[in-house]
Amino acid sequence: MTDNISELEMRRKKLLFRGGHRGTKENDILMGRFMDKHLSTLTEEQLDTFEALINEVPDADFFKWATGKEQAPAQYDTDVLRMIRDLSNA
């Protein structure tokens, strides 16, 4: 059990760094707010989803989806993106 916890924590630390260095200040802020509020409580599946957003989605698309300016494709329209969008519209 301890190994699983430390693996999850290591993964969260890596995502914290990568999520805070997206390439644009606007996305860094959106990701930062989300990570401050939710990163420590995300499930492994949600971490997978968050990691896909970081690794696969170009900055411009992410910003449009996260701010609700455009609808995300189904594969990215997840609970994680909705949590990010809710914070960006708060």
N, C-alpha and C. Protein backbone atom coordinates (compact mmCIF):
# COMPACT_ATOMS: atom_id res chain seq x y z
N MET A 1 0.82 -1.20 0.00
CA MET A 1 0.00 0.00 0.00
C MET A 1 0.87 1.26 0.00
N THR A 2 1.93 1.25 0.77
CA THR A 2 2.80 2.41 0.83
C THR A 2 3.39 2.72 -0.54
N ASP A 3 3.75 1.68 -1.30
CA ASP A 3 4.30 1.89 -2.64
C ASP A 3 3.29 2.60 -3.53
N ASN A 4 2.01 2.19 -3.47
CA ASN A 4 0.98 2.84 -4.28
C ASN A 4 0.81 4.30 -3.90
N ILE A 5 0.84 4.58 -2.62
CA ILE A 5 0.68 5.96 -2.18
C ILE A 5 1.86 6.79 -2.67
N SER A 6 3.08 6.30 -2.53
CA SER A 6 4.22 7.08 -2.96
C SER A 6 4.26 7.24 -4.47
N GLU A 7 3.81 6.23 -5.22
CA GLU A 7 3.73 6.35 -6.68
C GLU A 7 2.72 7.42 -7.08
N LEU A 8 1.57 7.44 -6.42
CA LEU A 8 0.57 8.47 -6.70
C LEU A 8 1.09 9.85 -6.35
N GLU A 9 1.74 9.96 -5.23
CA GLU A 9 2.28 11.26 -4.83
C GLU A 9 3.35 11.73 -5.81
N MET A 10 4.20 10.82 -6.27
CA MET A 10 5.23 11.19 -7.24
C MET A 10 4.57 11.65 -8.53
N ARG A 11 3.55 10.93 -8.94
CA ARG A 11 2.82 11.31 -10.15
C ARG A 11 2.20 12.69 -10.00
N ARG A 12 1.59 12.95 -8.86
CA ARG A 12 0.99 14.26 -8.62
C ARG A 12 2.04 15.38 -8.66
N LYS A 13 3.21 15.12 -8.11
CA LYS A 13 4.27 16.12 -8.13
C LYS A 13 4.72 16.43 -9.56
N LYS A 14 4.83 15.39 -10.38
CA LYS A 14 5.21 15.60 -11.77
C LYS A 14 4.14 16.39 -12.51
N LEU A 15 2.87 16.04 -12.27
CA LEU A 15 1.78 16.77 -12.91
C LEU A 15 1.71 18.21 -12.42
N LEU A 16 2.01 18.43 -11.15
CA LEU A 16 2.01 19.78 -10.61
C LEU A 16 3.02 20.65 -11.35
N PHE A 17 4.20 20.10 -11.61
CA PHE A 17 5.21 20.86 -12.34
C PHE A 17 4.77 21.07 -13.78
N ARG A 18 4.38 20.00 -14.47
CA ARG A 18 4.04 20.11 -15.89
C ARG A 18 2.79 20.95 -16.11
N GLY A 19 1.83 20.84 -15.21
CA GLY A 19 0.61 21.63 -15.34
C GLY A 19 0.83 23.11 -15.12
N GLY A 20 1.84 23.45 -14.35
CA GLY A 20 2.15 24.84 -14.09
C GLY A 20 3.07 25.47 -15.11
N HIS A 21 3.50 24.69 -16.09
CA HIS A 21 4.40 25.17 -17.13
C HIS A 21 3.86 24.82 -18.51
N ARG A 22 2.67 25.28 -18.79
CA ARG A 22 1.98 24.94 -20.04
C ARG A 22 2.56 25.67 -21.25
N GLY A 23 3.04 26.84 -21.07
CA GLY A 23 3.55 27.60 -22.21
C GLY A 23 2.92 28.97 -22.32
N THR A 24 1.70 29.10 -21.84
CA THR A 24 1.08 30.43 -21.82
C THR A 24 0.69 30.76 -20.38
N LYS A 25 0.80 32.01 -20.04
CA LYS A 25 0.49 32.45 -18.68
C LYS A 25 -0.97 32.15 -18.33
N GLU A 26 -1.87 32.35 -19.28
CA GLU A 26 -3.29 32.12 -19.04
C GLU A 26 -3.55 30.67 -18.66
N ASN A 27 -2.94 29.74 -19.40
CA ASN A 27 -3.14 28.33 -19.10
C ASN A 27 -2.45 27.92 -17.80
N ASP A 28 -1.29 28.53 -17.52
CA ASP A 28 -0.63 28.26 -16.25
C ASP A 28 -1.54 28.65 -15.08
N ILE A 29 -2.23 29.77 -15.23
CA ILE A 29 -3.14 30.23 -14.17
C ILE A 29 -4.32 29.28 -14.04
N LEU A 30 -4.94 28.91 -15.17
CA LEU A 30 -6.08 27.98 -15.12
C LEU A 30 -5.69 26.65 -14.49
N MET A 31 -4.58 26.10 -14.95
CA MET A 31 -4.11 24.82 -14.41
C MET A 31 -3.73 24.96 -12.94
N GLY A 32 -3.08 26.07 -12.61
CA GLY A 32 -2.67 26.29 -11.22
C GLY A 32 -3.84 26.32 -10.26
N ARG A 33 -4.88 27.04 -10.64
CA ARG A 33 -6.08 27.11 -9.78
C ARG A 33 -6.69 25.73 -9.61
N PHE A 34 -6.77 24.98 -10.72
CA PHE A 34 -7.32 23.63 -10.67
C PHE A 34 -6.47 22.73 -9.77
N MET A 35 -5.17 22.78 -9.96
CA MET A 35 -4.30 21.90 -9.18
C MET A 35 -4.32 22.25 -7.70
N ASP A 36 -4.36 23.53 -7.38
CA ASP A 36 -4.43 23.94 -5.98
C ASP A 36 -5.67 23.36 -5.30
N LYS A 37 -6.77 23.34 -6.03
CA LYS A 37 -8.03 22.90 -5.44
C LYS A 37 -8.24 21.38 -5.50
N HIS A 38 -7.80 20.73 -6.59
CA HIS A 38 -8.21 19.34 -6.82
C HIS A 38 -7.11 18.30 -6.94
N LEU A 39 -5.89 18.68 -7.23
CA LEU A 39 -4.87 17.68 -7.56
C LEU A 39 -4.70 16.61 -6.47
N SER A 40 -4.72 17.00 -5.23
CA SER A 40 -4.48 16.05 -4.14
C SER A 40 -5.60 15.03 -3.96
N THR A 41 -6.75 15.29 -4.56
CA THR A 41 -7.88 14.38 -4.37
C THR A 41 -8.31 13.64 -5.65
N LEU A 42 -7.61 13.86 -6.75
CA LEU A 42 -7.98 13.19 -8.00
C LEU A 42 -7.73 11.70 -7.91
N THR A 43 -8.64 10.94 -8.50
CA THR A 43 -8.46 9.49 -8.59
C THR A 43 -7.41 9.18 -9.66
N GLU A 44 -6.99 7.94 -9.74
CA GLU A 44 -6.03 7.56 -10.78
C GLU A 44 -6.60 7.81 -12.17
N GLU A 45 -7.87 7.51 -12.36
CA GLU A 45 -8.52 7.75 -13.66
C GLU A 45 -8.53 9.25 -13.98
N GLN A 46 -8.83 10.06 -13.01
CA GLN A 46 -8.83 11.51 -13.23
C GLN A 46 -7.42 12.02 -13.49
N LEU A 47 -6.42 11.43 -12.83
CA LEU A 47 -5.04 11.80 -13.11
C LEU A 47 -4.68 11.46 -14.56
N ASP A 48 -5.16 10.30 -15.05
CA ASP A 48 -4.94 9.93 -16.45
C ASP A 48 -5.55 10.99 -17.37
N THR A 49 -6.75 11.40 -17.06
CA THR A 49 -7.45 12.40 -17.86
C THR A 49 -6.72 13.73 -17.84
N PHE A 50 -6.30 14.15 -16.67
CA PHE A 50 -5.56 15.41 -16.53
C PHE A 50 -4.25 15.34 -17.29
N GLU A 51 -3.57 14.22 -17.19
CA GLU A 51 -2.31 14.04 -17.90
C GLU A 51 -2.52 14.11 -19.41
N ALA A 52 -3.61 13.54 -19.91
CA ALA A 52 -3.91 13.62 -21.34
C ALA A 52 -4.12 15.06 -21.77
N LEU A 53 -4.81 15.84 -20.96
CA LEU A 53 -5.01 17.25 -21.28
C LEU A 53 -3.67 17.98 -21.37
N ILE A 54 -2.78 17.67 -20.45
CA ILE A 54 -1.46 18.32 -20.44
C ILE A 54 -0.62 17.90 -21.64
N ASN A 55 -0.63 16.61 -21.95
CA ASN A 55 0.28 16.06 -22.96
C ASN A 55 -0.23 16.14 -24.39
N GLU A 56 -1.54 16.09 -24.57
CA GLU A 56 -2.10 15.92 -25.92
C GLU A 56 -2.74 17.16 -26.51
N VAL A 57 -3.16 18.08 -25.68
CA VAL A 57 -3.97 19.21 -26.16
C VAL A 57 -3.11 20.46 -26.32
N PRO A 58 -3.12 21.05 -27.51
CA PRO A 58 -2.40 22.31 -27.72
C PRO A 58 -2.95 23.42 -26.81
N ASP A 59 -2.07 24.34 -26.44
CA ASP A 59 -2.46 25.42 -25.52
C ASP A 59 -3.69 26.19 -25.98
N ALA A 60 -3.75 26.54 -27.25
CA ALA A 60 -4.88 27.35 -27.74
C ALA A 60 -6.19 26.60 -27.59
N ASP A 61 -6.20 25.31 -27.92
CA ASP A 61 -7.43 24.52 -27.78
C ASP A 61 -7.82 24.38 -26.31
N PHE A 62 -6.83 24.09 -25.47
CA PHE A 62 -7.12 23.94 -24.05
C PHE A 62 -7.77 25.21 -23.50
N PHE A 63 -7.22 26.35 -23.83
CA PHE A 63 -7.75 27.60 -23.31
C PHE A 63 -9.20 27.81 -23.74
N LYS A 64 -9.50 27.54 -25.00
CA LYS A 64 -10.88 27.71 -25.50
C LYS A 64 -11.84 26.77 -24.78
N TRP A 65 -11.41 25.53 -24.57
CA TRP A 65 -12.27 24.55 -23.90
C TRP A 65 -12.43 24.88 -22.42
N ALA A 66 -11.32 25.27 -21.78
CA ALA A 66 -11.34 25.53 -20.34
C ALA A 66 -12.15 26.76 -19.99
N THR A 67 -12.25 27.69 -20.92
CA THR A 67 -13.01 28.91 -20.66
C THR A 67 -14.42 28.86 -21.24
N GLY A 68 -14.74 27.75 -21.90
CA GLY A 68 -16.08 27.59 -22.46
C GLY A 68 -16.31 28.32 -23.76
N LYS A 69 -15.26 28.81 -24.38
CA LYS A 69 -15.41 29.51 -25.66
C LYS A 69 -15.70 28.54 -26.80
N GLU A 70 -15.26 27.29 -26.64
CA GLU A 70 -15.55 26.24 -27.61
C GLU A 70 -15.83 24.96 -26.84
N GLN A 71 -16.63 24.10 -27.46
CA GLN A 71 -16.91 22.78 -26.88
C GLN A 71 -15.75 21.85 -27.19
N ALA A 72 -15.30 21.13 -26.18
CA ALA A 72 -14.22 20.16 -26.37
C ALA A 72 -14.75 18.92 -27.08
N PRO A 73 -13.90 18.25 -27.86
CA PRO A 73 -14.30 16.96 -28.44
C PRO A 73 -14.65 15.98 -27.32
N ALA A 74 -15.48 15.02 -27.62
CA ALA A 74 -15.99 14.08 -26.61
C ALA A 74 -14.89 13.43 -25.79
N GLN A 75 -13.78 13.08 -26.41
CA GLN A 75 -12.73 12.38 -25.67
C GLN A 75 -12.10 13.25 -24.58
N TYR A 76 -12.20 14.57 -24.71
CA TYR A 76 -11.64 15.48 -23.72
C TYR A 76 -12.70 16.16 -22.85
N ASP A 77 -13.96 15.99 -23.21
CA ASP A 77 -15.04 16.62 -22.44
C ASP A 77 -15.35 15.73 -21.24
N THR A 78 -14.53 15.85 -20.22
CA THR A 78 -14.55 14.96 -19.07
C THR A 78 -14.87 15.74 -17.80
N ASP A 79 -15.01 15.00 -16.71
CA ASP A 79 -15.25 15.65 -15.43
C ASP A 79 -14.07 16.56 -15.05
N VAL A 80 -12.86 16.18 -15.42
CA VAL A 80 -11.70 17.00 -15.10
C VAL A 80 -11.76 18.34 -15.85
N LEU A 81 -12.06 18.29 -17.13
CA LEU A 81 -12.18 19.55 -17.88
C LEU A 81 -13.33 20.39 -17.34
N ARG A 82 -14.41 19.77 -16.95
CA ARG A 82 -15.53 20.52 -16.37
C ARG A 82 -15.12 21.18 -15.05
N MET A 83 -14.30 20.50 -14.24
CA MET A 83 -13.82 21.10 -12.99
C MET A 83 -12.95 22.32 -13.29
N ILE A 84 -12.10 22.20 -14.30
CA ILE A 84 -11.26 23.33 -14.71
C ILE A 84 -12.13 24.47 -15.21
N ARG A 85 -13.12 24.15 -16.03
CA ARG A 85 -14.02 25.18 -16.59
C ARG A 85 -14.80 25.87 -15.48
N ASP A 86 -15.27 25.09 -14.50
CA ASP A 86 -16.01 25.70 -13.39
C ASP A 86 -15.16 26.71 -12.65
N LEU A 87 -13.89 26.40 -12.44
CA LEU A 87 -13.00 27.35 -11.76
C LEU A 87 -12.70 28.56 -12.61
N SER A 88 -12.61 28.37 -13.93
CA SER A 88 -12.29 29.50 -14.79
C SER A 88 -13.46 30.46 -14.92
N ASN A 89 -14.66 29.97 -14.70
CA ASN A 89 -15.85 30.80 -14.80
C ASN A 89 -16.33 31.33 -13.45
N ALA A 90 -15.60 30.98 -12.39
CA ALA A 90 -16.02 31.38 -11.04
C ALA A 90 -15.72 32.84 -10.78
